[in-house]
Amino acid sequence: MAKAQTFADKVAKAKSQKSAVCPECGEVFIYMKVVEPVASASGSYRFQRKMEKHCKCKNT
């Protein structure tokens, strides 16, 4: 049976990995998937997906 992973374990693992750090607040960036509708040449819409990094100090 697998060991249950707590939220504290997940946070500790995220901090131990090498991640980009915000120069203003010093927190690790959070990656979010941004979905934008884009008009195609035929007139229909497609969804463009991209991963962007955001910081806690910019989200508030």
PDB file of N, CA and C in Angstrom:
ATOM      1  N   MET A   1       0.829  -1.169   0.000  1.00  0.00           N
ATOM      2  CA  MET A   1       0.000   0.000   0.000  1.00  0.00           C
ATOM      3  C   MET A   1       0.883   1.245   0.000  1.00  0.00           C
ATOM      4  N   ALA A   2       0.510   2.248  -0.717  1.00  0.00           N
ATOM      5  CA  ALA A   2       1.306   3.464  -0.836  1.00  0.00           C
ATOM      6  C   ALA A   2       1.165   4.328   0.414  1.00  0.00           C
ATOM      7  N   LYS A   3       2.230   5.058   0.703  1.00  0.00           N
ATOM      8  CA  LYS A   3       2.213   5.963   1.852  1.00  0.00           C
ATOM      9  C   LYS A   3       1.380   7.191   1.506  1.00  0.00           C
ATOM     10  N   ALA A   4       0.521   7.614   2.405  1.00  0.00           N
ATOM     11  CA  ALA A   4      -0.299   8.807   2.178  1.00  0.00           C
ATOM     12  C   ALA A   4       0.596  10.043   2.237  1.00  0.00           C
ATOM     13  N   GLN A   5       0.459  10.910   1.248  1.00  0.00           N
ATOM     14  CA  GLN A   5       1.268  12.124   1.186  1.00  0.00           C
ATOM     15  C   GLN A   5       0.431  13.298   1.686  1.00  0.00           C
ATOM     16  N   THR A   6       0.928  13.991   2.690  1.00  0.00           N
ATOM     17  CA  THR A   6       0.203  15.120   3.258  1.00  0.00           C
ATOM     18  C   THR A   6       0.521  16.385   2.482  1.00  0.00           C
ATOM     19  N   PHE A   7      -0.252  17.425   2.742  1.00  0.00           N
ATOM     20  CA  PHE A   7      -0.014  18.704   2.073  1.00  0.00           C
ATOM     21  C   PHE A   7       1.348  19.268   2.463  1.00  0.00           C
ATOM     22  N   ALA A   8       1.746  19.088   3.708  1.00  0.00           N
ATOM     23  CA  ALA A   8       3.056  19.573   4.163  1.00  0.00           C
ATOM     24  C   ALA A   8       4.182  18.875   3.407  1.00  0.00           C
ATOM     25  N   ASP A   9       4.013  17.587   3.114  1.00  0.00           N
ATOM     26  CA  ASP A   9       5.010  16.864   2.327  1.00  0.00           C
ATOM     27  C   ASP A   9       5.108  17.424   0.913  1.00  0.00           C
ATOM     28  N   LYS A  10       3.965  17.765   0.329  1.00  0.00           N
ATOM     29  CA  LYS A  10       3.953  18.322  -1.024  1.00  0.00           C
ATOM     30  C   LYS A  10       4.646  19.678  -1.068  1.00  0.00           C
ATOM     31  N   VAL A  11       4.409  20.515  -0.066  1.00  0.00           N
ATOM     32  CA  VAL A  11       5.037  21.835  -0.008  1.00  0.00           C
ATOM     33  C   VAL A  11       6.540  21.696   0.180  1.00  0.00           C
ATOM     34  N   ALA A  12       6.954  20.789   1.041  1.00  0.00           N
ATOM     35  CA  ALA A  12       8.377  20.570   1.268  1.00  0.00           C
ATOM     36  C   ALA A  12       9.064  20.072   0.002  1.00  0.00           C
ATOM     37  N   LYS A  13       8.398  19.217  -0.739  1.00  0.00           N
ATOM     38  CA  LYS A  13       8.963  18.711  -1.987  1.00  0.00           C
ATOM     39  C   LYS A  13       9.092  19.826  -3.016  1.00  0.00           C
ATOM     40  N   ALA A  14       8.095  20.696  -3.109  1.00  0.00           N
ATOM     41  CA  ALA A  14       8.135  21.800  -4.068  1.00  0.00           C
ATOM     42  C   ALA A  14       9.255  22.775  -3.734  1.00  0.00           C
ATOM     43  N   LYS A  15       9.489  23.013  -2.449  1.00  0.00           N
ATOM     44  CA  LYS A  15      10.549  23.941  -2.052  1.00  0.00           C
ATOM     45  C   LYS A  15      11.929  23.331  -2.228  1.00  0.00           C
ATOM     46  N   SER A  16      12.036  22.004  -2.157  1.00  0.00           N
ATOM     47  CA  SER A  16      13.333  21.361  -2.299  1.00  0.00           C
ATOM     48  C   SER A  16      13.775  21.287  -3.759  1.00  0.00           C
ATOM     49  N   GLN A  17      12.824  21.323  -4.687  1.00  0.00           N
ATOM     50  CA  GLN A  17      13.166  21.280  -6.103  1.00  0.00           C
ATOM     51  C   GLN A  17      13.658  22.651  -6.553  1.00  0.00           C
ATOM     52  N   LYS A  18      14.517  22.649  -7.545  1.00  0.00           N
ATOM     53  CA  LYS A  18      15.019  23.912  -8.078  1.00  0.00           C
ATOM     54  C   LYS A  18      13.934  24.548  -8.928  1.00  0.00           C
ATOM     55  N   SER A  19      13.430  25.672  -8.466  1.00  0.00           N
ATOM     56  CA  SER A  19      12.364  26.374  -9.164  1.00  0.00           C
ATOM     57  C   SER A  19      12.729  27.840  -9.267  1.00  0.00           C
ATOM     58  N   ALA A  20      12.085  28.524 -10.194  1.00  0.00           N
ATOM     59  CA  ALA A  20      12.301  29.953 -10.343  1.00  0.00           C
ATOM     60  C   ALA A  20      11.690  30.671  -9.143  1.00  0.00           C
ATOM     61  N   VAL A  21      12.385  31.695  -8.665  1.00  0.00           N
ATOM     62  CA  VAL A  21      11.951  32.435  -7.486  1.00  0.00           C
ATOM     63  C   VAL A  21      11.696  33.879  -7.879  1.00  0.00           C
ATOM     64  N   CYS A  22      10.634  34.456  -7.338  1.00  0.00           N
ATOM     65  CA  CYS A  22      10.282  35.847  -7.606  1.00  0.00           C
ATOM     66  C   CYS A  22      11.331  36.760  -6.966  1.00  0.00           C
ATOM     67  N   PRO A  23      11.874  37.723  -7.709  1.00  0.00           N
ATOM     68  CA  PRO A  23      12.873  38.623  -7.127  1.00  0.00           C
ATOM     69  C   PRO A  23      12.282  39.615  -6.128  1.00  0.00           C
ATOM     70  N   GLU A  24      10.970  39.858  -6.182  1.00  0.00           N
ATOM     71  CA  GLU A  24      10.355  40.836  -5.282  1.00  0.00           C
ATOM     72  C   GLU A  24      10.017  40.243  -3.919  1.00  0.00           C
ATOM     73  N   CYS A  25       9.319  39.101  -3.903  1.00  0.00           N
ATOM     74  CA  CYS A  25       8.862  38.550  -2.621  1.00  0.00           C
ATOM     75  C   CYS A  25       9.643  37.307  -2.192  1.00  0.00           C
ATOM     76  N   GLY A  26      10.374  36.679  -3.110  1.00  0.00           N
ATOM     77  CA  GLY A  26      11.164  35.507  -2.758  1.00  0.00           C
ATOM     78  C   GLY A  26      10.400  34.200  -2.772  1.00  0.00           C
ATOM     79  N   GLU A  27       9.142  34.209  -3.178  1.00  0.00           N
ATOM     80  CA  GLU A  27       8.331  32.990  -3.235  1.00  0.00           C
ATOM     81  C   GLU A  27       8.564  32.269  -4.565  1.00  0.00           C
ATOM     82  N   VAL A  28       8.274  30.982  -4.579  1.00  0.00           N
ATOM     83  CA  VAL A  28       8.399  30.171  -5.786  1.00  0.00           C
ATOM     84  C   VAL A  28       7.231  30.498  -6.711  1.00  0.00           C
ATOM     85  N   PHE A  29       7.507  30.596  -8.013  1.00  0.00           N
ATOM     86  CA  PHE A  29       6.459  30.874  -8.989  1.00  0.00           C
ATOM     87  C   PHE A  29       5.478  29.704  -9.064  1.00  0.00           C
ATOM     88  N   ILE A  30       4.211  30.019  -9.314  1.00  0.00           N
ATOM     89  CA  ILE A  30       3.164  29.027  -9.509  1.00  0.00           C
ATOM     90  C   ILE A  30       2.837  29.011 -10.996  1.00  0.00           C
ATOM     91  N   TYR A  31       2.788  27.823 -11.591  1.00  0.00           N
ATOM     92  CA  TYR A  31       2.477  27.714 -13.007  1.00  0.00           C
ATOM     93  C   TYR A  31       0.981  27.511 -13.189  1.00  0.00           C
ATOM     94  N   MET A  32       0.393  28.296 -14.107  1.00  0.00           N
ATOM     95  CA  MET A  32      -1.032  28.210 -14.410  1.00  0.00           C
ATOM     96  C   MET A  32      -1.211  27.991 -15.902  1.00  0.00           C
ATOM     97  N   LYS A  33      -2.237  27.242 -16.263  1.00  0.00           N
ATOM     98  CA  LYS A  33      -2.560  27.047 -17.666  1.00  0.00           C
ATOM     99  C   LYS A  33      -3.533  28.141 -18.085  1.00  0.00           C
ATOM    100  N   VAL A  34      -3.160  28.921 -19.106  1.00  0.00           N
ATOM    101  CA  VAL A  34      -3.989  30.005 -19.619  1.00  0.00           C
ATOM    102  C   VAL A  34      -4.554  29.557 -20.959  1.00  0.00           C
ATOM    103  N   VAL A  35      -5.865  29.660 -21.115  1.00  0.00           N
ATOM    104  CA  VAL A  35      -6.541  29.250 -22.343  1.00  0.00           C
ATOM    105  C   VAL A  35      -7.167  30.485 -22.966  1.00  0.00           C
ATOM    106  N   GLU A  36      -6.787  30.770 -24.222  1.00  0.00           N
ATOM    107  CA  GLU A  36      -7.298  31.945 -24.924  1.00  0.00           C
ATOM    108  C   GLU A  36      -7.970  31.522 -26.225  1.00  0.00           C
ATOM    109  N   PRO A  37      -9.128  32.088 -26.546  1.00  0.00           N
ATOM    110  CA  PRO A  37      -9.745  31.798 -27.844  1.00  0.00           C
ATOM    111  C   PRO A  37      -9.041  32.597 -28.942  1.00  0.00           C
ATOM    112  N   VAL A  38      -8.731  31.932 -30.043  1.00  0.00           N
ATOM    113  CA  VAL A  38      -8.045  32.564 -31.173  1.00  0.00           C
ATOM    114  C   VAL A  38      -8.849  32.274 -32.432  1.00  0.00           C
ATOM    115  N   ALA A  39      -9.120  33.317 -33.213  1.00  0.00           N
ATOM    116  CA  ALA A  39      -9.870  33.139 -34.458  1.00  0.00           C
ATOM    117  C   ALA A  39      -8.957  32.534 -35.518  1.00  0.00           C
ATOM    118  N   SER A  40      -9.440  31.506 -36.203  1.00  0.00           N
ATOM    119  CA  SER A  40      -8.659  30.883 -37.264  1.00  0.00           C
ATOM    120  C   SER A  40      -8.979  31.556 -38.596  1.00  0.00           C
ATOM    121  N   ALA A  41      -8.289  31.152 -39.643  1.00  0.00           N
ATOM    122  CA  ALA A  41      -8.486  31.748 -40.963  1.00  0.00           C
ATOM    123  C   ALA A  41      -9.875  31.440 -41.521  1.00  0.00           C
ATOM    124  N   SER A  42     -10.445  30.311 -41.136  1.00  0.00           N
ATOM    125  CA  SER A  42     -11.765  29.935 -41.649  1.00  0.00           C
ATOM    126  C   SER A  42     -12.909  30.602 -40.884  1.00  0.00           C
ATOM    127  N   GLY A  43     -12.590  31.363 -39.847  1.00  0.00           N
ATOM    128  CA  GLY A  43     -13.619  32.070 -39.099  1.00  0.00           C
ATOM    129  C   GLY A  43     -14.069  31.375 -37.831  1.00  0.00           C
ATOM    130  N   SER A  44     -13.610  30.163 -37.622  1.00  0.00           N
ATOM    131  CA  SER A  44     -13.971  29.465 -36.388  1.00  0.00           C
ATOM    132  C   SER A  44     -12.951  29.807 -35.296  1.00  0.00           C
ATOM    133  N   TYR A  45     -13.260  29.423 -34.100  1.00  0.00           N
ATOM    134  CA  TYR A  45     -12.368  29.711 -32.978  1.00  0.00           C
ATOM    135  C   TYR A  45     -11.684  28.441 -32.506  1.00  0.00           C
ATOM    136  N   ARG A  46     -10.425  28.599 -32.140  1.00  0.00           N
ATOM    137  CA  ARG A  46      -9.644  27.520 -31.551  1.00  0.00           C
ATOM    138  C   ARG A  46      -9.149  28.024 -30.204  1.00  0.00           C
ATOM    139  N   PHE A  47      -8.783  27.126 -29.349  1.00  0.00           N
ATOM    140  CA  PHE A  47      -8.282  27.508 -28.041  1.00  0.00           C
ATOM    141  C   PHE A  47      -6.780  27.290 -27.982  1.00  0.00           C
ATOM    142  N   GLN A  48      -6.064  28.352 -27.651  1.00  0.00           N
ATOM    143  CA  GLN A  48      -4.617  28.286 -27.521  1.00  0.00           C
ATOM    144  C   GLN A  48      -4.288  28.136 -26.036  1.00  0.00           C
ATOM    145  N   ARG A  49      -3.555  27.091 -25.705  1.00  0.00           N
ATOM    146  CA  ARG A  49      -3.201  26.817 -24.315  1.00  0.00           C
ATOM    147  C   ARG A  49      -1.722  27.092 -24.105  1.00  0.00           C
ATOM    148  N   LYS A  50      -1.395  27.722 -22.976  1.00  0.00           N
ATOM    149  CA  LYS A  50       0.007  27.935 -22.630  1.00  0.00           C
ATOM    150  C   LYS A  50       0.146  27.977 -21.114  1.00  0.00           C
ATOM    151  N   MET A  51       1.312  27.578 -20.651  1.00  0.00           N
ATOM    152  CA  MET A  51       1.606  27.589 -19.226  1.00  0.00           C
ATOM    153  C   MET A  51       2.368  28.873 -18.914  1.00  0.00           C
ATOM    154  N   GLU A  52       1.871  29.637 -17.948  1.00  0.00           N
ATOM    155  CA  GLU A  52       2.527  30.873 -17.530  1.00  0.00           C
ATOM    156  C   GLU A  52       2.843  30.788 -16.051  1.00  0.00           C
ATOM    157  N   LYS A  53       3.944  31.414 -15.664  1.00  0.00           N
ATOM    158  CA  LYS A  53       4.276  31.424 -14.246  1.00  0.00           C
ATOM    159  C   LYS A  53       3.818  32.734 -13.623  1.00  0.00           C
ATOM    160  N   HIS A  54       3.208  32.605 -12.460  1.00  0.00           N
ATOM    161  CA  HIS A  54       2.689  33.750 -11.725  1.00  0.00           C
ATOM    162  C   HIS A  54       3.218  33.686 -10.304  1.00  0.00           C
ATOM    163  N   CYS A  55       3.272  34.861  -9.686  1.00  0.00           N
ATOM    164  CA  CYS A  55       3.748  34.950  -8.314  1.00  0.00           C
ATOM    165  C   CYS A  55       2.607  35.376  -7.404  1.00  0.00           C
ATOM    166  N   LYS A  56       2.713  35.032  -6.142  1.00  0.00           N
ATOM    167  CA  LYS A  56       1.677  35.399  -5.178  1.00  0.00           C
ATOM    168  C   LYS A  56       1.583  36.912  -5.013  1.00  0.00           C
ATOM    169  N   CYS A  57       2.697  37.616  -5.110  1.00  0.00           N
ATOM    170  CA  CYS A  57       2.667  39.067  -4.910  1.00  0.00           C
ATOM    171  C   CYS A  57       1.973  39.776  -6.073  1.00  0.00           C
ATOM    172  N   LYS A  58       1.908  39.169  -7.245  1.00  0.00           N
ATOM    173  CA  LYS A  58       1.227  39.771  -8.398  1.00  0.00           C
ATOM    174  C   LYS A  58      -0.248  39.402  -8.451  1.00  0.00           C
ATOM    175  N   ASN A  59      -0.642  38.302  -7.804  1.00  0.00           N
ATOM    176  CA  ASN A  59      -2.024  37.826  -7.856  1.00  0.00           C
ATOM    177  C   ASN A  59      -2.941  38.534  -6.877  1.00  0.00           C
ATOM    178  N   THR A  60      -2.401  39.212  -5.886  1.00  0.00           N
ATOM    179  CA  THR A  60      -3.263  39.852  -4.884  1.00  0.00           C
ATOM    180  C   THR A  60      -3.638  41.245  -5.278  1.00  0.00           C
TER     181      THR A  60
END
